[in-house]
């Protein structure tokens, strides 16, 4: 019996570690896509992406995000104009306009509620981008736009804020990206302080996984 339990526990640990690595691989493979194939996204996959966004963490359990799904080509073209004439936006299969109905969160938290509202929608967007990547769907987080232009197209009430436009579609490009290394962005205990006890050429990620062992 003991050996059986030990086997089950080890199996679960191995698969847990495998899933963690798969998630990290998906996150690291995400790219901003601006060139899309002329191919529709299924309702099932779109639903998964929206569900991922709706599953994001939120301050005070107040989900202020609202998603407007836009598929009609004429509306996509008008939204592309509102995004300062970024024509590629109109070529996405689907546009999701990320809005914030932040009345309650601002009412409870005051000035800080404005920041919480943005943090909440940002978390929702990142979840959507990761799920899209897992499904083989490209995405782009668009922050350059004229809010008034989007309001006119989608008839958004004046108490709702527009935080972003997410473009979705099957990628027709494989852009390369350069990211800073962990030692460039990770400090320990105080700003600008590198970690102690790490061998010079060992990546910070390895050092963290090993629990600080040099």
Protein backbone atom coordinates (compact mmCIF):
# COMPACT_ATOMS: atom_id res chain seq x y z
CA UNK A 1 0.00 0.00 0.00
CA UNK A 2 2.82 2.41 0.90
CA UNK A 3 4.55 1.80 -2.44
CA UNK A 4 1.31 2.43 -4.31
CA UNK A 5 0.72 5.74 -2.52
CA UNK A 6 4.34 6.71 -3.15
CA UNK A 7 3.89 5.94 -6.85
CA UNK A 8 0.71 8.05 -7.08
CA UNK A 9 2.34 10.99 -5.26
CA UNK A 10 5.42 10.89 -7.50
CA UNK A 11 3.22 10.65 -10.59
CA UNK A 12 1.23 13.72 -9.53
CA UNK A 13 4.40 15.68 -8.78
CA UNK A 14 5.92 14.82 -12.16
CA UNK A 15 2.78 15.85 -14.03
CA UNK A 16 2.41 19.01 -11.97
CA UNK A 17 5.96 20.04 -12.90
CA UNK A 18 5.29 19.15 -16.54
CA UNK A 19 2.17 21.36 -16.61
CA UNK A 20 4.08 24.22 -15.01
CA UNK A 21 6.69 24.04 -17.74
CA UNK A 22 4.06 23.86 -20.45
CA UNK A 23 2.39 27.02 -19.12
CA UNK A 24 5.73 28.83 -18.99
CA UNK A 25 6.49 27.73 -22.56
CA UNK A 26 3.16 29.15 -23.71
CA UNK A 27 3.81 32.45 -21.94
CA UNK A 28 7.31 32.73 -23.42
CA UNK A 29 6.06 31.89 -26.92
CA UNK A 30 3.46 34.68 -26.96
CA UNK A 31 4.14 37.35 -29.57
CA UNK A 32 2.42 40.52 -30.71
CA UNK A 33 0.91 39.66 -34.09
CA UNK A 34 0.00 42.33 -36.62
CA UNK A 35 -0.23 40.16 -39.73
CA UNK A 36 -3.17 37.76 -39.71
CA UNK A 37 -4.37 35.00 -42.01
CA UNK A 38 -7.81 35.29 -43.58
CA UNK A 39 -9.23 32.60 -41.34
CA UNK A 40 -12.10 32.74 -38.86
CA UNK A 41 -11.78 31.92 -35.18
CA UNK A 42 -14.37 29.39 -34.07
CA UNK A 43 -16.97 30.44 -31.52
CA UNK A 44 -15.69 27.67 -29.23
CA UNK A 45 -12.14 29.03 -29.22
CA UNK A 46 -13.32 32.60 -28.87
CA UNK A 47 -15.40 31.50 -25.91
CA UNK A 48 -12.31 29.98 -24.27
CA UNK A 49 -10.38 33.21 -24.72
CA UNK A 50 -13.19 35.27 -23.22
CA UNK A 51 -13.58 32.81 -20.37
CA UNK A 52 -9.86 33.10 -19.64
CA UNK A 53 -10.25 36.87 -19.43
CA UNK A 54 -13.23 36.56 -17.13
CA UNK A 55 -11.23 34.24 -14.85
CA UNK A 56 -8.60 36.87 -14.03
CA UNK A 57 -7.98 38.03 -10.45
CA UNK A 58 -9.62 41.28 -9.43
CA UNK A 59 -9.35 43.69 -6.52
CA UNK A 60 -12.11 43.30 -3.94
CA UNK A 61 -13.72 40.58 -6.05
CA UNK A 62 -15.10 43.39 -8.24
CA UNK A 63 -14.95 42.36 -11.89
CA UNK A 64 -15.09 45.75 -13.58
CA UNK A 65 -14.05 44.43 -17.02
CA UNK A 66 -16.52 44.34 -19.88
CA UNK A 67 -15.73 42.81 -23.30
CA UNK A 68 -17.24 43.99 -26.59
CA UNK A 69 -16.67 41.45 -29.38
CA UNK A 70 -16.49 42.94 -32.87
CA UNK A 71 -16.57 40.73 -35.98
CA UNK A 72 -18.38 42.88 -38.56
CA UNK A 73 -15.80 44.09 -41.10
CA UNK A 74 -17.11 47.64 -41.43
CA UNK A 75 -16.96 48.10 -37.67
CA UNK A 76 -13.43 46.66 -37.57
CA UNK A 77 -12.39 49.16 -40.21
CA UNK A 78 -13.89 52.03 -38.23
CA UNK A 79 -12.14 50.81 -35.09
CA UNK A 80 -8.85 50.64 -37.01
CA UNK A 81 -9.35 54.31 -37.88
CA UNK A 82 -10.00 55.05 -34.21
CA UNK A 83 -6.73 53.26 -33.44
CA UNK A 84 -4.94 56.13 -35.19
CA UNK A 85 -5.32 54.52 -38.62
CA UNK A 86 -3.50 51.29 -37.81
CA UNK A 87 -4.83 49.48 -40.87
CA UNK A 88 -3.66 46.04 -39.76
CA UNK A 89 -6.19 46.15 -36.91
CA UNK A 90 -9.03 45.73 -39.42
CA UNK A 91 -7.45 42.51 -40.72
CA UNK A 92 -7.87 40.68 -37.41
CA UNK A 93 -10.51 37.98 -37.34
CA UNK A 94 -12.00 39.40 -34.14
CA UNK A 95 -11.51 42.57 -32.14
CA UNK A 96 -12.31 42.60 -28.44
CA UNK A 97 -12.66 46.04 -26.93
CA UNK A 98 -11.79 45.92 -23.23
CA UNK A 99 -13.89 48.31 -21.19
CA UNK A 100 -14.12 49.16 -17.51
CA UNK A 101 -17.36 49.76 -15.66
CA UNK A 102 -15.49 50.95 -12.59
CA UNK A 103 -18.16 52.79 -10.64
CA UNK A 104 -18.30 50.32 -7.75
CA UNK A 105 -14.57 49.76 -7.43
CA UNK A 106 -13.88 53.51 -7.43
CA UNK A 107 -16.74 54.08 -5.01
CA UNK A 108 -15.24 51.63 -2.53
CA UNK A 109 -11.53 52.39 -2.95
CA UNK A 110 -11.61 56.02 -4.02
CA UNK A 111 -8.55 57.26 -5.90
CA UNK A 112 -6.81 53.89 -5.62
CA UNK A 113 -9.84 52.32 -7.25
CA UNK A 114 -8.78 53.94 -10.52
CA UNK A 115 -5.51 52.00 -10.39
CA UNK A 116 -7.27 48.79 -9.32
CA UNK A 117 -9.66 49.09 -12.27
CA UNK A 118 -6.73 49.26 -14.70
CA UNK A 119 -4.91 46.40 -12.96
CA UNK A 120 -8.01 44.23 -13.19
CA UNK A 121 -8.52 44.72 -16.91
CA UNK A 122 -4.78 44.29 -17.55
CA UNK A 123 -4.91 40.91 -15.79
CA UNK A 124 -7.92 39.93 -17.89
CA UNK A 125 -6.14 40.94 -21.10
CA UNK A 126 -3.02 38.95 -20.25
CA UNK A 127 -5.14 35.86 -19.52
CA UNK A 128 -6.77 36.26 -22.93
CA UNK A 129 -3.44 36.60 -24.72
CA UNK A 130 -2.06 33.48 -23.03
CA UNK A 131 -5.16 31.40 -23.82
CA UNK A 132 -5.08 32.62 -27.42
CA UNK A 133 -1.44 31.55 -27.70
CA UNK A 134 -2.29 28.12 -26.29
CA UNK A 135 -4.92 27.75 -29.02
CA UNK A 136 -2.50 28.75 -31.79
CA UNK A 137 -4.23 32.12 -32.22
CA UNK A 138 -2.22 35.33 -32.56
CA UNK A 139 -3.02 38.47 -30.63
CA UNK A 140 -2.07 42.08 -30.18
CA UNK A 141 -2.73 44.35 -27.20
CA UNK A 142 -3.55 47.75 -28.70
CA UNK A 143 -3.30 50.76 -26.41
CA UNK A 144 -3.05 53.54 -28.99
CA UNK A 145 -6.55 54.72 -29.83
CA UNK A 146 -8.96 57.64 -29.69
CA UNK A 147 -11.57 56.73 -27.05
CA UNK A 148 -14.16 59.06 -28.56
CA UNK A 149 -13.81 57.32 -31.91
CA UNK A 150 -14.42 53.92 -30.35
CA UNK A 151 -17.37 55.27 -28.37
CA UNK A 152 -19.01 56.48 -31.58
CA UNK A 153 -18.64 53.09 -33.27
CA UNK A 154 -19.80 50.93 -30.38
CA UNK A 155 -22.22 53.31 -28.61
CA UNK A 156 -20.47 52.94 -25.27
CA UNK A 157 -22.06 54.93 -22.40
CA UNK A 158 -20.06 57.83 -20.99
CA UNK A 159 -19.55 56.25 -17.54
CA UNK A 160 -17.59 53.35 -19.11
CA UNK A 161 -13.85 53.67 -19.78
CA UNK A 162 -12.05 52.02 -22.70
CA UNK A 163 -8.80 50.41 -21.61
CA UNK A 164 -7.61 48.49 -24.67
CA UNK A 165 -8.40 46.80 -27.95
CA UNK A 166 -7.31 43.17 -28.37
CA UNK A 167 -6.87 41.98 -31.95
CA UNK A 168 -7.19 38.22 -32.51
CA UNK A 169 -6.48 36.06 -35.55
CA UNK A 170 -4.36 33.23 -36.84
CA UNK A 171 -0.79 34.50 -37.24
CA UNK A 172 0.75 35.04 -40.64
CA UNK A 173 4.15 35.98 -39.22
CA UNK A 174 6.67 34.80 -36.62
CA UNK A 175 8.15 37.94 -35.09
CA UNK A 176 11.29 37.68 -33.00
CA UNK A 177 11.50 39.41 -29.68
CA UNK A 178 14.32 40.37 -27.34
CA UNK A 179 13.57 40.31 -23.62
CA UNK A 180 15.71 41.45 -20.72
CA UNK A 181 17.30 38.64 -18.72
CA UNK A 182 16.17 37.97 -15.17
CA UNK A 183 19.39 39.37 -13.62
CA UNK A 184 18.54 42.68 -15.28
CA UNK A 185 15.09 42.95 -13.70
CA UNK A 186 15.21 40.96 -10.44
CA UNK A 187 16.45 42.50 -7.20
CA UNK A 188 16.56 40.91 -3.75
CA UNK A 189 15.56 42.61 -0.50
CA UNK A 190 16.27 46.13 -1.79
CA UNK A 191 16.18 48.05 -5.07
CA UNK A 192 19.24 47.35 -7.20
CA UNK A 193 20.53 44.61 -4.92
CA UNK A 194 21.55 41.39 -6.73
CA UNK A 195 21.05 38.00 -5.12
CA UNK A 196 23.72 36.51 -2.89
CA UNK A 197 25.35 33.14 -3.26
CA UNK A 198 24.72 32.59 -6.96
CA UNK A 199 27.48 31.34 -9.17
CA UNK A 200 28.33 33.96 -11.76
CA UNK A 201 27.16 32.06 -14.84
CA UNK A 202 24.11 30.35 -13.35
CA UNK A 203 20.78 31.85 -14.51
CA UNK A 204 18.67 33.48 -11.81
CA UNK A 205 15.74 31.20 -12.68
CA UNK A 206 17.85 28.11 -11.90
CA UNK A 207 19.02 29.68 -8.66
CA UNK A 208 15.44 30.39 -7.60
CA UNK A 209 14.27 26.86 -8.44
CA UNK A 210 17.12 25.40 -6.43
CA UNK A 211 16.04 27.42 -3.41
CA UNK A 212 19.05 29.69 -3.37
CA UNK A 213 21.68 26.97 -3.59
CA UNK A 214 24.80 28.17 -5.42
